[in-house]
Amino acid sequence: MAHEVDPNSCERTPDAIRAALQRRPDWLKAFERDWLSAAAEFDQPGLDAVIDKWFPFACACATPGYLDEVEQTIKRMAEGDTEGMVFYDADGNAYDADNHPVDTGGRG
């Protein structure tokens, strides 16, 4: 994917994460559930873990265009349009949708 998540697009605070997650109400609901559960236990390490868990999701929401690109890619794939898409295996080898190796000139 050409567009990358900007890890500086969101502050690492509950309020900033909550605001960023407005883009995905399902994620916001899950964040709120996790946050309230840890808060009800007065569990500071638990609250810190919730921030750690949801911060990358918030950054994805806050990075301009990132979720739009992901959603467009998902839509294309659901429609069977994989033209020009490159897929990677666990070892970093690139393939097209027909499982033919693709020379990407190095991924990184």
Protein backbone atom coordinates (compact mmCIF):
# COMPACT_ATOMS: atom_id res chain seq x y z
CA MET A 1 0.00 0.00 0.00
CA ALA A 2 1.50 3.32 -0.99
CA HIS A 3 -0.07 5.27 1.84
CA GLU A 4 1.31 4.57 5.33
CA VAL A 5 -0.09 5.29 8.78
CA ASP A 6 1.44 8.38 10.37
CA PRO A 7 2.33 7.45 13.98
CA ASN A 8 2.30 11.16 14.84
CA SER A 9 -1.20 11.79 13.52
CA CYS A 10 -2.81 11.27 16.92
CA GLU A 11 -1.80 12.12 20.46
CA ARG A 12 -1.41 9.18 22.82
CA THR A 13 -4.22 10.30 25.13
CA PRO A 14 -7.68 8.85 25.78
CA ASP A 15 -9.41 11.98 24.47
CA ALA A 16 -7.35 12.09 21.27
CA ILE A 17 -7.86 8.39 20.64
CA ARG A 18 -11.60 8.76 21.26
CA ALA A 19 -11.78 11.69 18.82
CA ALA A 20 -9.83 9.85 16.11
CA LEU A 21 -11.94 6.71 16.45
CA GLN A 22 -15.10 8.68 15.59
CA ARG A 23 -14.30 7.64 11.99
CA ARG A 24 -15.04 4.01 12.92
CA PRO A 25 -17.93 3.78 15.40
CA ASP A 26 -17.36 0.03 15.85
CA TRP A 27 -13.77 0.67 16.93
CA LEU A 28 -14.86 3.56 19.16
CA LYS A 29 -17.40 1.34 20.91
CA ALA A 30 -14.77 -1.35 21.54
CA PHE A 31 -12.29 1.25 22.83
CA GLU A 32 -14.91 2.67 25.19
CA ARG A 33 -15.74 -0.81 26.45
CA ASP A 34 -12.07 -1.62 27.10
CA TRP A 35 -11.44 1.78 28.70
CA LEU A 36 -14.46 1.64 31.01
CA SER A 37 -13.64 -1.91 32.05
CA ALA A 38 -10.10 -0.94 33.09
CA ALA A 39 -11.31 2.28 34.74
CA ALA A 40 -13.93 0.42 36.76
CA GLU A 41 -11.14 -1.71 38.23
CA PHE A 42 -8.98 1.38 38.99
CA ASP A 43 -6.34 -0.46 36.99
CA GLN A 44 -3.65 1.97 35.75
CA PRO A 45 -1.65 -0.76 33.97
CA GLY A 46 -4.94 -1.85 32.38
CA LEU A 47 -5.67 1.71 31.22
CA ASP A 48 -2.15 1.94 29.80
CA ALA A 49 -2.71 -1.35 27.96
CA VAL A 50 -5.94 0.01 26.44
CA ILE A 51 -4.04 3.06 25.16
CA ASP A 52 -1.31 0.79 23.75
CA LYS A 53 -3.90 -1.42 22.04
CA TRP A 54 -6.01 1.33 20.46
CA PHE A 55 -3.36 3.94 19.63
CA PRO A 56 -2.44 2.32 16.25
CA PHE A 57 -6.13 2.19 15.29
CA ALA A 58 -6.50 5.87 16.20
CA CYS A 59 -3.45 6.77 14.09
CA ALA A 60 -4.94 4.85 11.16
CA CYS A 61 -8.15 6.87 11.52
CA ALA A 62 -6.28 10.17 11.92
CA THR A 63 -3.89 9.71 8.97
CA PRO A 64 -5.50 11.61 6.08
CA GLY A 65 -6.61 9.26 3.31
CA TYR A 66 -5.35 6.05 4.91
CA LEU A 67 -8.71 4.44 5.72
CA ASP A 68 -10.14 5.68 2.43
CA GLU A 69 -7.39 3.79 0.61
CA VAL A 70 -7.92 0.65 2.70
CA GLU A 71 -11.68 0.76 2.13
CA GLN A 72 -11.19 1.26 -1.63
CA THR A 73 -8.78 -1.70 -1.77
CA ILE A 74 -11.23 -3.92 0.10
CA LYS A 75 -14.02 -2.87 -2.26
CA ARG A 76 -11.88 -3.65 -5.31
CA MET A 77 -10.94 -7.07 -3.97
CA ALA A 78 -14.56 -7.87 -3.08
CA GLU A 79 -15.47 -7.07 -6.67
CA GLY A 80 -12.68 -9.32 -7.94
CA ASP A 81 -10.53 -6.44 -9.23
CA THR A 82 -6.94 -7.25 -8.26
CA GLU A 83 -5.26 -5.69 -11.30
CA GLY A 84 -1.90 -4.26 -10.28
CA MET A 85 -2.16 -5.44 -6.67
CA VAL A 86 0.85 -7.07 -5.05
CA PHE A 87 0.51 -9.53 -2.19
CA TYR A 88 3.27 -10.60 0.20
CA ASP A 89 3.80 -13.89 1.98
CA ALA A 90 5.21 -14.24 5.51
CA ASP A 91 8.75 -14.20 4.12
CA GLY A 92 8.23 -10.94 2.23
CA ASN A 93 8.05 -12.51 -1.24
CA ALA A 94 5.79 -10.62 -3.64
CA TYR A 95 3.08 -12.24 -5.78
CA ASP A 96 0.26 -11.10 -8.02
CA ALA A 97 -3.34 -12.26 -7.48
CA ASP A 98 -2.69 -15.37 -9.60
CA ASN A 99 0.19 -16.35 -7.28
CA HIS A 100 2.91 -15.49 -9.83
CA PRO A 101 6.10 -14.02 -8.33
CA VAL A 102 6.48 -10.28 -8.80
CA ASP A 103 9.77 -8.38 -8.82
CA THR A 104 9.15 -5.30 -6.71
CA GLY A 105 12.78 -4.25 -6.62
CA GLY A 106 12.85 -4.87 -2.88
CA ARG A 107 10.23 -4.17 -0.29
CA GLY A 108 10.96 -1.96 2.57
